[in-house]
């Protein structure tokens, strides 16, 4: 039985030496396996919950209540292993962020991750992301920091692709200065960028996202620790392997051969759960194109 809070356990890990490696969890079996494998932290992957729990791509379709319920189940399975939880954009305005933080904390998570994308968000390793303004995100961050009682608040910037590396570093530093407990710089695109981020983002521990087949080059835990990163999440390490492991015997059962490569990249994986169809629907109902309605 835990004698300390989830947030306190994660803070203690951050105060110790070494890189915290947090594999992605998305259902009961993945959480059990991460805990039984001896990892000291886990990461609630929104992409994994969208795909495994609801058959959806990671484009902002899963709701706050659905994610909170999944978080509650996972913390029960993980026990003393602290859970860093993806909360997308906070599911609305700063007022909604307050409710999100309160509900996530009641579910037992150790940390709550908020990102500076506009709603609806997209997986950080997909193209065409849109950002909230720095001011709008800082308001959400302030709401989260005021609302939390125990959980750490992780501030994520997705500005690298839309605005460039320097602007993204500026955002990351602004979030650290505003009081974020951890800063998450999404999708650096080279080893040089990973090193520059570590050197120039100051004021909060750094989290990096290792996505198989994504925009960020695979980097060893030893190298990340040497650079000063404190947390490395691996959201797809179990999810992608599970998808491939299901595809192959299903193909064999049908007497066919499958190409497992689509499951090895974010875009390819999300195609398995309808990314193209949902993206086409999104384009159909956009109102920022010519005319005031999809038929204008």
Protein backbone atom coordinates (compact mmCIF):
# COMPACT_ATOMS: atom_id res chain seq x y z
CA UNK A 1 0.00 0.00 0.00
CA UNK A 2 1.46 3.35 -1.02
CA UNK A 3 2.39 5.64 1.87
CA UNK A 4 3.18 8.63 -0.32
CA UNK A 5 1.17 10.36 -2.99
CA UNK A 6 1.63 9.68 -6.69
CA UNK A 7 3.01 13.17 -7.25
CA UNK A 8 5.47 12.78 -4.38
CA UNK A 9 6.74 9.50 -5.82
CA UNK A 10 7.39 11.12 -9.20
CA UNK A 11 9.08 14.12 -7.58
CA UNK A 12 11.38 11.76 -5.69
CA UNK A 13 12.33 10.09 -8.97
CA UNK A 14 13.10 13.47 -10.51
CA UNK A 15 15.33 14.34 -7.57
CA UNK A 16 17.33 11.11 -7.95
CA UNK A 17 20.01 10.40 -10.52
CA UNK A 18 19.37 8.87 -13.91
CA UNK A 19 16.81 9.10 -16.68
CA UNK A 20 13.22 8.10 -15.92
CA UNK A 21 12.00 5.80 -18.70
CA UNK A 22 8.21 5.69 -18.94
CA UNK A 23 6.71 3.22 -21.45
CA UNK A 24 3.27 3.95 -22.84
CA UNK A 25 0.29 2.20 -21.24
CA UNK A 26 -3.21 2.14 -22.68
CA UNK A 27 -5.05 -0.87 -21.25
CA UNK A 28 -4.91 -3.27 -18.33
CA UNK A 29 -2.46 -5.77 -19.81
CA UNK A 30 0.01 -3.09 -20.94
CA UNK A 31 -0.06 -1.54 -17.45
CA UNK A 32 0.49 -4.92 -15.76
CA UNK A 33 3.41 -5.69 -18.06
CA UNK A 34 5.09 -2.32 -17.48
CA UNK A 35 4.77 -2.71 -13.71
CA UNK A 36 5.96 -6.34 -13.75
CA UNK A 37 8.94 -5.39 -15.94
CA UNK A 38 10.25 -3.11 -13.21
CA UNK A 39 9.81 0.33 -14.77
CA UNK A 40 9.66 3.17 -12.26
CA UNK A 41 7.06 5.24 -14.18
CA UNK A 42 4.49 4.84 -16.94
CA UNK A 43 2.94 7.14 -19.50
CA UNK A 44 -0.79 7.24 -20.28
CA UNK A 45 -0.70 7.62 -24.06
CA UNK A 46 -3.67 9.43 -25.55
CA UNK A 47 -2.90 7.91 -28.94
CA UNK A 48 -2.94 4.45 -27.41
CA UNK A 49 -6.23 5.01 -25.61
CA UNK A 50 -7.81 6.47 -28.75
CA UNK A 51 -6.77 3.49 -30.86
CA UNK A 52 -7.09 0.60 -28.43
CA UNK A 53 -10.07 1.84 -26.46
CA UNK A 54 -12.17 3.49 -29.13
CA UNK A 55 -10.74 2.56 -32.54
CA UNK A 56 -9.90 6.18 -33.31
CA UNK A 57 -6.83 8.08 -34.56
CA UNK A 58 -5.13 10.61 -32.29
CA UNK A 59 -6.78 13.77 -33.62
CA UNK A 60 -8.70 15.05 -30.60
CA UNK A 61 -11.71 12.71 -30.73
CA UNK A 62 -11.44 11.20 -27.24
CA UNK A 63 -13.11 13.14 -24.42
CA UNK A 64 -11.92 14.17 -20.99
CA UNK A 65 -14.27 11.79 -19.20
CA UNK A 66 -13.15 8.85 -21.35
CA UNK A 67 -9.50 9.59 -20.61
CA UNK A 68 -10.16 10.08 -16.90
CA UNK A 69 -11.88 6.71 -16.63
CA UNK A 70 -8.98 5.02 -18.40
CA UNK A 71 -6.50 6.79 -16.09
CA UNK A 72 -8.41 5.57 -13.02
CA UNK A 73 -8.22 1.96 -14.19
CA UNK A 74 -4.54 2.21 -15.06
CA UNK A 75 -3.46 3.74 -11.75
CA UNK A 76 -5.25 0.88 -9.99
CA UNK A 77 -3.28 -1.65 -12.01
CA UNK A 78 0.05 0.16 -11.73
CA UNK A 79 -0.09 0.53 -7.95
CA UNK A 80 2.97 2.43 -6.75
CA UNK A 81 4.27 3.10 -10.27
CA UNK A 82 3.52 6.79 -10.96
CA UNK A 83 1.52 7.56 -14.09
CA UNK A 84 2.26 10.59 -16.29
CA UNK A 85 -1.06 11.29 -18.02
CA UNK A 86 -1.71 12.85 -21.41
CA UNK A 87 -4.51 15.44 -21.13
CA UNK A 88 -4.25 16.86 -24.66
CA UNK A 89 -5.16 20.57 -24.70
CA UNK A 90 -6.99 20.38 -21.38
CA UNK A 91 -10.32 19.81 -23.20
CA UNK A 92 -11.35 23.44 -23.47
CA UNK A 93 -10.75 26.86 -21.97
CA UNK A 94 -8.91 27.50 -18.67
CA UNK A 95 -12.13 26.77 -16.78
CA UNK A 96 -12.26 23.33 -18.42
CA UNK A 97 -8.60 22.81 -17.54
CA UNK A 98 -9.46 23.30 -13.86
CA UNK A 99 -12.01 20.51 -14.05
CA UNK A 100 -9.61 18.31 -16.03
CA UNK A 101 -6.87 18.68 -13.43
CA UNK A 102 -9.24 17.98 -10.54
CA UNK A 103 -10.69 14.89 -12.22
CA UNK A 104 -7.30 13.55 -13.29
CA UNK A 105 -5.94 14.01 -9.77
CA UNK A 106 -8.91 12.08 -8.35
CA UNK A 107 -8.02 9.27 -10.76
CA UNK A 108 -4.62 8.96 -9.05
CA UNK A 109 -2.19 10.22 -11.71
CA UNK A 110 1.21 11.61 -10.76
CA UNK A 111 1.50 14.19 -13.56
CA UNK A 112 -0.80 15.86 -16.06
CA UNK A 113 0.46 16.82 -19.51
CA UNK A 114 -1.05 19.82 -21.32
CA UNK A 115 -0.05 20.93 -24.82
CA UNK A 116 -0.17 24.23 -26.70
CA UNK A 117 -2.00 23.00 -29.79
CA UNK A 118 -5.33 24.43 -30.82
CA UNK A 119 -8.35 22.16 -30.48
CA UNK A 120 -8.77 19.65 -32.01
CA UNK A 121 -5.20 18.54 -31.50
CA UNK A 122 -3.22 16.09 -33.62
CA UNK A 123 -0.54 13.57 -32.75
CA UNK A 124 2.70 15.52 -32.37
CA UNK A 125 4.34 13.42 -35.10
CA UNK A 126 1.67 14.15 -37.72
CA UNK A 127 1.76 17.20 -40.03
CA UNK A 128 -0.58 20.21 -40.09
CA UNK A 129 -0.67 20.97 -36.37
CA UNK A 130 -2.22 24.29 -35.35
CA UNK A 131 -1.11 26.17 -32.25
CA UNK A 132 -2.82 28.18 -29.57
CA UNK A 133 -1.20 31.53 -28.88
CA UNK A 134 1.46 31.63 -26.18
CA UNK A 135 -0.81 33.81 -24.07
CA UNK A 136 -3.75 31.44 -24.35
CA UNK A 137 -1.64 28.48 -23.33
CA UNK A 138 -0.08 30.37 -20.42
CA UNK A 139 -3.62 31.05 -19.15
CA UNK A 140 -4.36 27.31 -19.27
CA UNK A 141 -1.06 26.56 -17.55
CA UNK A 142 -1.86 29.05 -14.78
CA UNK A 143 -5.28 27.44 -14.30
CA UNK A 144 -3.70 24.00 -14.06
CA UNK A 145 -1.08 25.11 -11.55
CA UNK A 146 -3.71 26.78 -9.39
CA UNK A 147 -6.04 23.77 -9.53
CA UNK A 148 -3.58 20.98 -8.75
CA UNK A 149 -2.97 19.83 -5.21
CA UNK A 150 -0.44 17.04 -5.79
CA UNK A 151 0.15 16.21 -9.46
CA UNK A 152 3.01 17.70 -11.44
CA UNK A 153 2.03 19.80 -14.45
CA UNK A 154 3.86 18.98 -17.68
CA UNK A 155 3.79 21.78 -20.28
CA UNK A 156 4.27 20.56 -23.85
CA UNK A 157 5.05 22.71 -26.86
CA UNK A 158 4.29 21.50 -30.40
CA UNK A 159 5.72 24.65 -31.96
CA UNK A 160 8.79 23.04 -33.59
CA UNK A 161 7.06 22.13 -36.84
CA UNK A 162 4.72 25.13 -37.29
CA UNK A 163 7.07 27.89 -36.06
CA UNK A 164 10.61 26.51 -36.12
CA UNK A 165 13.13 25.49 -33.50
CA UNK A 166 13.99 28.90 -32.04
CA UNK A 167 10.38 29.93 -31.53
CA UNK A 168 9.62 26.58 -29.94
CA UNK A 169 12.54 26.99 -27.53
CA UNK A 170 11.19 30.43 -26.62
CA UNK A 171 7.81 28.89 -25.82
CA UNK A 172 9.38 26.12 -23.75
CA UNK A 173 11.32 28.67 -21.69
CA UNK A 174 8.18 30.76 -21.20
CA UNK A 175 6.34 27.74 -19.85
CA UNK A 176 9.17 26.89 -17.48
CA UNK A 177 9.29 30.49 -16.26
CA UNK A 178 5.53 30.36 -15.62
CA UNK A 179 5.98 27.47 -13.21
CA UNK A 180 5.59 24.25 -15.20
CA UNK A 181 7.05 21.35 -13.21
CA UNK A 182 8.29 19.60 -16.36
CA UNK A 183 8.74 20.91 -19.92
CA UNK A 184 7.99 18.59 -22.85
CA UNK A 185 9.52 19.69 -26.17
CA UNK A 186 7.70 17.68 -28.83
CA UNK A 187 9.26 16.34 -32.02
CA UNK A 188 12.84 17.62 -32.34
CA UNK A 189 13.99 16.49 -35.77
CA UNK A 190 17.71 15.75 -35.43
CA UNK A 191 20.40 14.85 -32.92
CA UNK A 192 21.63 18.44 -33.13
CA UNK A 193 18.19 19.76 -32.20
CA UNK A 194 17.98 17.38 -29.23
CA UNK A 195 21.31 18.76 -28.00
CA UNK A 196 20.34 22.40 -28.56
CA UNK A 197 17.05 22.00 -26.69
CA UNK A 198 18.88 20.48 -23.72
CA UNK A 199 21.34 23.37 -23.72
CA UNK A 200 18.86 26.23 -24.15
CA UNK A 201 15.67 25.25 -22.30
CA UNK A 202 16.15 26.16 -18.65
CA UNK A 203 14.15 26.28 -15.45
CA UNK A 204 12.38 22.90 -15.41
CA UNK A 205 13.22 19.23 -15.96
CA UNK A 206 13.00 18.18 -19.61
CA UNK A 207 10.87 15.39 -21.02
CA UNK A 208 11.47 13.91 -24.48
CA UNK A 209 9.17 11.72 -26.56
CA UNK A 210 10.71 8.70 -28.30
CA UNK A 211 8.19 7.72 -30.99
CA UNK A 212 9.14 4.75 -33.15
CA UNK A 213 9.10 5.84 -36.79
CA UNK A 214 8.36 9.43 -35.78
CA UNK A 215 10.15 12.72 -36.39
CA UNK A 216 12.64 12.41 -33.53
CA UNK A 217 15.71 10.21 -34.09
CA UNK A 218 16.06 7.27 -31.76
CA UNK A 219 18.49 8.26 -29.02
CA UNK A 220 19.91 6.07 -26.28
CA UNK A 221 18.93 6.54 -22.67
CA UNK A 222 22.63 7.04 -21.85
CA UNK A 223 22.93 9.93 -24.31
CA UNK A 224 19.71 11.58 -23.16
CA UNK A 225 20.84 11.39 -19.54
CA UNK A 226 24.23 12.89 -20.44
CA UNK A 227 22.46 15.82 -22.13
CA UNK A 228 20.33 16.43 -19.04
CA UNK A 229 16.93 15.08 -20.02
CA UNK A 230 15.08 13.73 -16.99
CA UNK A 231 12.17 11.77 -18.50
CA UNK A 232 11.90 9.79 -21.74
CA UNK A 233 8.46 8.54 -22.67
CA UNK A 234 8.00 5.69 -25.16
CA UNK A 235 4.27 5.81 -25.93
CA UNK A 236 4.26 3.35 -28.82
CA UNK A 237 6.75 0.72 -27.69
CA UNK A 238 4.04 -1.76 -26.67
CA UNK A 239 1.21 -0.43 -28.83
CA UNK A 240 2.99 -0.76 -32.18
CA UNK A 241 4.33 -4.19 -31.31
CA UNK A 242 0.85 -5.33 -30.26
CA UNK A 243 -0.69 -4.13 -33.52
CA UNK A 244 1.92 -5.94 -35.58
CA UNK A 245 1.58 -9.07 -33.46
CA UNK A 246 -2.16 -9.09 -34.19
CA UNK A 247 -1.84 -8.36 -37.90
CA UNK A 248 0.45 -11.27 -38.67
CA UNK A 249 -1.62 -14.15 -37.20
CA UNK A 250 -4.83 -12.62 -38.59
CA UNK A 251 -3.29 -12.62 -42.06
CA UNK A 252 -2.12 -16.19 -41.58
CA UNK A 253 -5.61 -17.21 -40.52
CA UNK A 254 -6.95 -15.75 -43.76
CA UNK A 255 -4.19 -17.42 -45.75
CA UNK A 256 -2.71 -14.10 -46.84
CA UNK A 257 0.51 -12.20 -46.26
CA UNK A 258 0.50 -8.84 -44.47
CA UNK A 259 2.93 -5.96 -44.72
CA UNK A 260 3.45 -4.93 -41.13
CA UNK A 261 5.27 -1.71 -41.98
CA UNK A 262 2.21 0.58 -41.65
CA UNK A 263 2.15 -0.16 -37.91
CA UNK A 264 5.73 1.11 -37.59
CA UNK A 265 5.07 4.84 -38.17
CA UNK A 266 2.53 7.14 -36.48
CA UNK A 267 0.68 7.97 -39.71
CA UNK A 268 0.66 4.34 -40.82
CA UNK A 269 -0.59 3.18 -37.45
CA UNK A 270 -3.41 5.73 -37.41
CA UNK A 271 -4.45 4.65 -40.90
CA UNK A 272 -5.32 1.31 -39.30
CA UNK A 273 -7.96 3.11 -37.22
CA UNK A 274 -9.40 5.44 -39.84
CA UNK A 275 -7.13 8.50 -40.08
CA UNK A 276 -7.96 9.21 -43.74
CA UNK A 277 -11.72 8.92 -43.24
CA UNK A 278 -11.74 11.17 -40.18
CA UNK A 279 -9.43 13.71 -41.84
CA UNK A 280 -11.75 13.88 -44.85
CA UNK A 281 -14.69 14.53 -42.54
CA UNK A 282 -12.73 17.29 -40.83
CA UNK A 283 -12.00 18.97 -44.16
CA UNK A 284 -15.64 18.67 -45.20
CA UNK A 285 -16.83 20.73 -42.26
CA UNK A 286 -14.10 23.37 -42.16
CA UNK A 287 -15.39 26.94 -42.19
CA UNK A 288 -12.10 28.76 -42.81
CA UNK A 289 -12.15 28.01 -46.52
CA UNK A 290 -14.06 29.86 -49.24
CA UNK A 291 -17.67 30.37 -48.20
CA UNK A 292 -19.23 30.26 -44.74
CA UNK A 293 -20.31 26.61 -44.76
CA UNK A 294 -19.05 23.37 -46.27
CA UNK A 295 -21.50 24.01 -49.13
CA UNK A 296 -20.79 27.76 -49.54
